[in-house]
């Protein structure tokens, strides 16, 4: 599971799989993948995608 964070407020905007977040936010999955893989902010520096480490067993 992934979390889309609004870095200006620190709040979780969306969570779930990348396709789920894409549907909920209308941010293309290529940009979401890029944010996660490059560990960088997207959409004018407002959002960042991270993997929820609480998923590990």
N, C-alpha and C. Protein backbone atom coordinates (compact mmCIF):
# COMPACT_ATOMS: atom_id res chain seq x y z
N UNK A 1 0.84 -1.17 0.00
CA UNK A 1 0.00 0.00 0.00
C UNK A 1 0.89 1.24 0.00
N UNK A 2 0.44 2.25 -0.72
CA UNK A 2 1.16 3.51 -0.83
C UNK A 2 0.35 4.63 -0.19
N UNK A 3 1.05 5.68 0.19
CA UNK A 3 0.41 6.87 0.74
C UNK A 3 0.82 8.07 -0.09
N UNK A 4 -0.15 8.88 -0.47
CA UNK A 4 0.14 10.14 -1.15
C UNK A 4 0.02 11.23 -0.10
N UNK A 5 1.15 11.89 0.16
CA UNK A 5 1.23 12.89 1.22
C UNK A 5 1.24 14.30 0.62
N UNK A 6 0.46 15.20 1.21
CA UNK A 6 0.54 16.62 0.87
C UNK A 6 1.66 17.17 1.75
N UNK A 7 2.79 17.50 1.13
CA UNK A 7 3.95 17.90 1.92
C UNK A 7 3.77 19.29 2.54
N UNK A 8 2.82 20.08 2.06
CA UNK A 8 2.61 21.40 2.65
C UNK A 8 1.84 21.31 3.97
N UNK A 9 1.00 20.28 4.11
CA UNK A 9 0.21 20.13 5.34
C UNK A 9 0.62 18.90 6.15
N UNK A 10 1.30 17.94 5.51
CA UNK A 10 1.68 16.71 6.18
C UNK A 10 0.55 15.69 6.26
N UNK A 11 -0.56 15.96 5.58
CA UNK A 11 -1.72 15.07 5.65
C UNK A 11 -1.69 14.05 4.51
N UNK A 12 -2.29 12.89 4.78
CA UNK A 12 -2.43 11.84 3.77
C UNK A 12 -3.61 12.22 2.88
N UNK A 13 -3.34 12.35 1.58
CA UNK A 13 -4.37 12.73 0.61
C UNK A 13 -5.10 11.49 0.11
N UNK A 14 -4.34 10.42 -0.12
CA UNK A 14 -4.92 9.18 -0.64
C UNK A 14 -4.02 8.02 -0.21
N UNK A 15 -4.61 6.83 -0.18
CA UNK A 15 -3.83 5.63 0.14
C UNK A 15 -4.39 4.46 -0.65
N UNK A 16 -3.54 3.44 -0.80
CA UNK A 16 -3.94 2.25 -1.54
C UNK A 16 -2.90 1.91 -2.59
N UNK A 17 -3.32 1.14 -3.58
CA UNK A 17 -2.42 0.81 -4.68
C UNK A 17 -2.26 2.03 -5.58
N UNK A 18 -1.25 2.00 -6.43
CA UNK A 18 -1.03 3.13 -7.34
C UNK A 18 -2.24 3.33 -8.26
N UNK A 19 -2.84 2.26 -8.84
CA UNK A 19 -4.05 2.48 -9.65
C UNK A 19 -5.21 3.09 -8.85
N UNK A 20 -5.34 2.69 -7.57
CA UNK A 20 -6.40 3.27 -6.72
C UNK A 20 -6.17 4.76 -6.50
N UNK A 21 -4.91 5.13 -6.21
CA UNK A 21 -4.59 6.54 -5.98
C UNK A 21 -4.79 7.34 -7.27
N UNK A 22 -4.44 6.75 -8.40
CA UNK A 22 -4.65 7.42 -9.69
C UNK A 22 -6.14 7.73 -9.90
N UNK A 23 -7.00 6.76 -9.63
CA UNK A 23 -8.44 6.97 -9.80
C UNK A 23 -8.98 8.04 -8.86
N UNK A 24 -8.50 8.01 -7.61
CA UNK A 24 -9.01 8.93 -6.59
C UNK A 24 -8.54 10.37 -6.82
N UNK A 25 -7.29 10.54 -7.28
CA UNK A 25 -6.72 11.88 -7.39
C UNK A 25 -6.63 12.41 -8.81
N UNK A 26 -6.76 11.50 -9.80
CA UNK A 26 -6.60 11.83 -11.22
C UNK A 26 -5.17 12.25 -11.57
N UNK A 27 -4.20 11.89 -10.70
CA UNK A 27 -2.78 12.09 -11.01
C UNK A 27 -2.34 10.85 -11.79
N UNK A 28 -1.79 11.03 -12.98
CA UNK A 28 -1.38 9.86 -13.79
C UNK A 28 -0.41 8.95 -13.05
N UNK A 29 -0.59 7.65 -13.23
CA UNK A 29 0.24 6.69 -12.50
C UNK A 29 1.72 6.81 -12.86
N UNK A 30 2.02 7.30 -14.06
CA UNK A 30 3.44 7.49 -14.42
C UNK A 30 4.08 8.52 -13.48
N UNK A 31 3.34 9.56 -13.13
CA UNK A 31 3.87 10.57 -12.20
C UNK A 31 3.96 10.00 -10.79
N UNK A 32 3.00 9.18 -10.41
CA UNK A 32 3.05 8.55 -9.09
C UNK A 32 4.24 7.62 -8.98
N UNK A 33 4.46 6.79 -10.02
CA UNK A 33 5.63 5.90 -10.04
C UNK A 33 6.92 6.72 -9.95
N UNK A 34 6.97 7.80 -10.71
CA UNK A 34 8.16 8.64 -10.74
C UNK A 34 8.43 9.22 -9.35
N UNK A 35 7.40 9.70 -8.68
CA UNK A 35 7.56 10.27 -7.35
C UNK A 35 8.13 9.23 -6.39
N UNK A 36 7.59 8.02 -6.45
CA UNK A 36 8.06 6.97 -5.54
C UNK A 36 9.49 6.53 -5.89
N UNK A 37 9.73 6.23 -7.16
CA UNK A 37 11.03 5.70 -7.58
C UNK A 37 12.16 6.71 -7.41
N UNK A 38 11.88 7.98 -7.65
CA UNK A 38 12.90 9.02 -7.56
C UNK A 38 12.92 9.69 -6.18
N UNK A 39 11.96 9.31 -5.31
CA UNK A 39 11.84 9.90 -3.98
C UNK A 39 11.76 11.42 -4.07
N UNK A 40 10.84 11.88 -4.91
CA UNK A 40 10.72 13.31 -5.16
C UNK A 40 9.28 13.77 -5.12
N UNK A 41 9.09 15.07 -5.00
CA UNK A 41 7.75 15.67 -4.97
C UNK A 41 7.23 15.85 -6.39
N UNK A 42 5.90 15.81 -6.53
CA UNK A 42 5.26 16.02 -7.83
C UNK A 42 4.18 17.08 -7.69
N UNK A 43 3.62 17.47 -8.83
CA UNK A 43 2.51 18.43 -8.87
C UNK A 43 2.92 19.74 -8.19
N UNK A 44 3.95 20.39 -8.75
CA UNK A 44 4.47 21.65 -8.22
C UNK A 44 4.97 21.54 -6.79
N UNK A 45 5.55 20.39 -6.47
CA UNK A 45 6.14 20.19 -5.16
C UNK A 45 5.16 20.01 -4.02
N UNK A 46 3.90 19.73 -4.35
CA UNK A 46 2.90 19.62 -3.29
C UNK A 46 2.76 18.19 -2.74
N UNK A 47 2.94 17.17 -3.58
CA UNK A 47 2.68 15.80 -3.16
C UNK A 47 3.92 14.93 -3.28
N UNK A 48 3.94 13.88 -2.46
CA UNK A 48 5.00 12.89 -2.51
C UNK A 48 4.39 11.53 -2.22
N UNK A 49 4.76 10.53 -3.00
CA UNK A 49 4.26 9.17 -2.82
C UNK A 49 5.29 8.36 -2.05
N UNK A 50 4.83 7.71 -0.98
CA UNK A 50 5.72 6.86 -0.19
C UNK A 50 5.03 5.50 0.00
N UNK A 51 5.85 4.50 0.28
CA UNK A 51 5.30 3.18 0.57
C UNK A 51 5.04 3.10 2.05
N UNK A 52 3.88 2.58 2.41
CA UNK A 52 3.51 2.43 3.81
C UNK A 52 4.26 1.23 4.37
N UNK A 53 5.23 1.48 5.23
CA UNK A 53 6.07 0.42 5.78
C UNK A 53 5.30 -0.45 6.78
N UNK A 54 4.12 -0.06 7.19
CA UNK A 54 3.32 -0.86 8.10
C UNK A 54 2.77 -2.12 7.46
N UNK A 55 2.97 -2.27 6.14
CA UNK A 55 2.46 -3.43 5.43
C UNK A 55 3.33 -4.68 5.62
N UNK A 56 4.55 -4.51 6.11
CA UNK A 56 5.47 -5.64 6.24
C UNK A 56 4.99 -6.58 7.34
N UNK A 57 5.10 -7.88 7.06
CA UNK A 57 4.72 -8.90 8.06
C UNK A 57 5.90 -9.36 8.84
